[in-house]
C-alpha atoms as a PDB file:
ATOM      1  CA  MET A   1     110.033 113.428 112.315  1.00  0.00           C
ATOM      2  CA  MET A   2     106.722 111.669 111.768  1.00  0.00           C
ATOM      3  CA  THR A   3     106.429 108.283 110.123  1.00  0.00           C
ATOM      4  CA  ASN A   4     103.405 106.906 108.359  1.00  0.00           C
ATOM      5  CA  ASP A   5     103.430 103.536 110.130  1.00  0.00           C
ATOM      6  CA  THR A   6      99.660 103.192 110.522  1.00  0.00           C
ATOM      7  CA  LYS A   7      98.563 100.113 112.449  1.00  0.00           C
ATOM      8  CA  TYR A   8      96.252  97.821 110.476  1.00  0.00           C
ATOM      9  CA  GLU A   9      93.632  96.246 112.740  1.00  0.00           C
ATOM     10  CA  SER A  10      90.260  96.541 110.972  1.00  0.00           C
ATOM     11  CA  PRO A  11      88.357  93.247 110.850  1.00  0.00           C
ATOM     12  CA  SER A  12      87.638  93.882 107.167  1.00  0.00           C
ATOM     13  CA  ILE A  13      91.318  93.528 106.271  1.00  0.00           C
ATOM     14  CA  LYS A  14      92.316  90.600 108.471  1.00  0.00           C
ATOM     15  CA  HIS A  15      91.996  88.277 105.476  1.00  0.00           C
ATOM     16  CA  HIS A  16      94.449  90.361 103.438  1.00  0.00           C
ATOM     17  CA  LEU A  17      96.908  90.445 106.315  1.00  0.00           C
ATOM     18  CA  ALA A  18      96.570  86.679 106.765  1.00  0.00           C
ATOM     19  CA  THR A  19      97.280  86.220 103.041  1.00  0.00           C
ATOM     20  CA  LEU A  20     100.565  88.004 103.677  1.00  0.00           C
ATOM     21  CA  GLY A  21     101.199  85.838 106.733  1.00  0.00           C
ATOM     22  CA  LEU A  22     100.596  88.699 109.163  1.00  0.00           C
ATOM     23  CA  ASP A  23      98.410  89.348 112.186  1.00  0.00           C
ATOM     24  CA  SER A  24      96.427  92.498 112.877  1.00  0.00           C
ATOM     25  CA  GLY A  25      98.230  95.407 114.440  1.00  0.00           C
ATOM     26  CA  VAL A  26     101.190  95.452 112.066  1.00  0.00           C
ATOM     27  CA  GLY A  27     102.573  98.581 110.475  1.00  0.00           C
ATOM     28  CA  TRP A  28     103.032  99.480 106.840  1.00  0.00           C
ATOM     29  CA  GLU A  29     106.754  98.633 106.807  1.00  0.00           C
ATOM     30  CA  GLN A  30     105.995  95.085 107.996  1.00  0.00           C
ATOM     31  CA  ILE A  31     103.363  94.747 105.276  1.00  0.00           C
ATOM     32  CA  LYS A  32     105.808  95.869 102.591  1.00  0.00           C
ATOM     33  CA  ARG A  33     108.493  93.475 103.869  1.00  0.00           C
ATOM     34  CA  ALA A  34     106.087  90.535 103.925  1.00  0.00           C
ATOM     35  CA  HIS A  35     104.879  91.332 100.400  1.00  0.00           C
ATOM     36  CA  ARG A  36     108.409  91.577  99.004  1.00  0.00           C
ATOM     37  CA  SER A  37     109.422  88.335 100.670  1.00  0.00           C
ATOM     38  CA  LEU A  38     106.395  86.422  99.386  1.00  0.00           C
ATOM     39  CA  VAL A  39     106.791  87.771  95.851  1.00  0.00           C
ATOM     40  CA  SER A  40     110.399  86.653  95.890  1.00  0.00           C
ATOM     41  CA  ASP A  41     109.508  83.204  97.253  1.00  0.00           C
ATOM     42  CA  LEU A  42     106.581  82.648  94.886  1.00  0.00           C
ATOM     43  CA  THR A  43     108.176  83.813  91.641  1.00  0.00           C
ATOM     44  CA  PRO A  44     108.823  80.608  89.676  1.00  0.00           C
ATOM     45  CA  GLY A  45     112.340  79.938  88.506  1.00  0.00           C
ATOM     46  CA  PRO A  46     113.321  78.556  85.095  1.00  0.00           C
ATOM     47  CA  GLU A  47     113.469  74.975  86.402  1.00  0.00           C
ATOM     48  CA  ALA A  48     109.988  74.994  87.983  1.00  0.00           C
ATOM     49  CA  ASP A  49     107.542  72.194  87.233  1.00  0.00           C
ATOM     50  CA  HIS A  50     104.516  73.318  85.181  1.00  0.00           C
ATOM     51  CA  ARG A  51     102.018  72.397  87.932  1.00  0.00           C
ATOM     52  CA  ASN A  52     104.087  74.236  90.504  1.00  0.00           C
ATOM     53  CA  VAL A  53     104.215  77.309  88.278  1.00  0.00           C
ATOM     54  CA  GLU A  54     100.422  77.429  88.023  1.00  0.00           C
ATOM     55  CA  LEU A  55     100.035  77.141  91.785  1.00  0.00           C
ATOM     56  CA  ALA A  56     102.758  79.714  92.458  1.00  0.00           C
ATOM     57  CA  LEU A  57     101.193  82.184  90.020  1.00  0.00           C
ATOM     58  CA  ALA A  58      97.766  81.739  91.614  1.00  0.00           C
ATOM     59  CA  MET A  59      99.252  82.343  95.060  1.00  0.00           C
ATOM     60  CA  LEU A  60     101.243  85.308  93.748  1.00  0.00           C
ATOM     61  CA  HIS A  61      98.025  86.806  92.393  1.00  0.00           C
ATOM     62  CA  GLU A  62      96.387  86.493  95.835  1.00  0.00           C
ATOM     63  CA  VAL A  63      99.393  88.073  97.529  1.00  0.00           C
ATOM     64  CA  ASN A  64      99.435  90.989  95.088  1.00  0.00           C
ATOM     65  CA  GLU A  65      95.673  91.553  95.432  1.00  0.00           C
ATOM     66  CA  ALA A  66      95.981  91.597  99.225  1.00  0.00           C
ATOM     67  CA  PHE A  67      98.855  94.080  99.043  1.00  0.00           C
ATOM     68  CA  LYS A  68      96.948  96.246  96.580  1.00  0.00           C
ATOM     69  CA  SER A  69      93.895  96.331  98.860  1.00  0.00           C
ATOM     70  CA  LEU A  70      96.017  97.256 101.869  1.00  0.00           C
ATOM     71  CA  SER A  71      97.783  99.941  99.829  1.00  0.00           C
ATOM     72  CA  VAL A  72      94.509 101.510  98.778  1.00  0.00           C
ATOM     73  CA  ARG A  73      93.290 101.548 102.398  1.00  0.00           C
ATOM     74  CA  ARG A  74      96.546 103.153 103.473  1.00  0.00           C
ATOM     75  CA  VAL A  75      96.090 106.012 101.000  1.00  0.00           C
ATOM     76  CA  ALA A  76      92.359 106.461 101.668  1.00  0.00           C
END
C-alpha cells in the first residue's frame, strides 16, 4: 500500500512550513496535524479580549494561507 507522504523540502516553501512551526523534510500528515493544532489554538473563544481576537485572527489567516499554499503544491 502506497502513501502520499511527500517530503516538503523546497526552499520556496520553508516560510510556509515555519509559519506552521515545522522544519523542512516533514510529510503531509505532519503538516495537516500542525495546521489543525494551530487553528484550534488560534480560534478565539467567547471570553477573548478584542485586541487578542484581532491578533489571533491575523495569525490564523497566515496559518491558513500557508496551509493552502502547501496544499496546492502537494496537488501540483
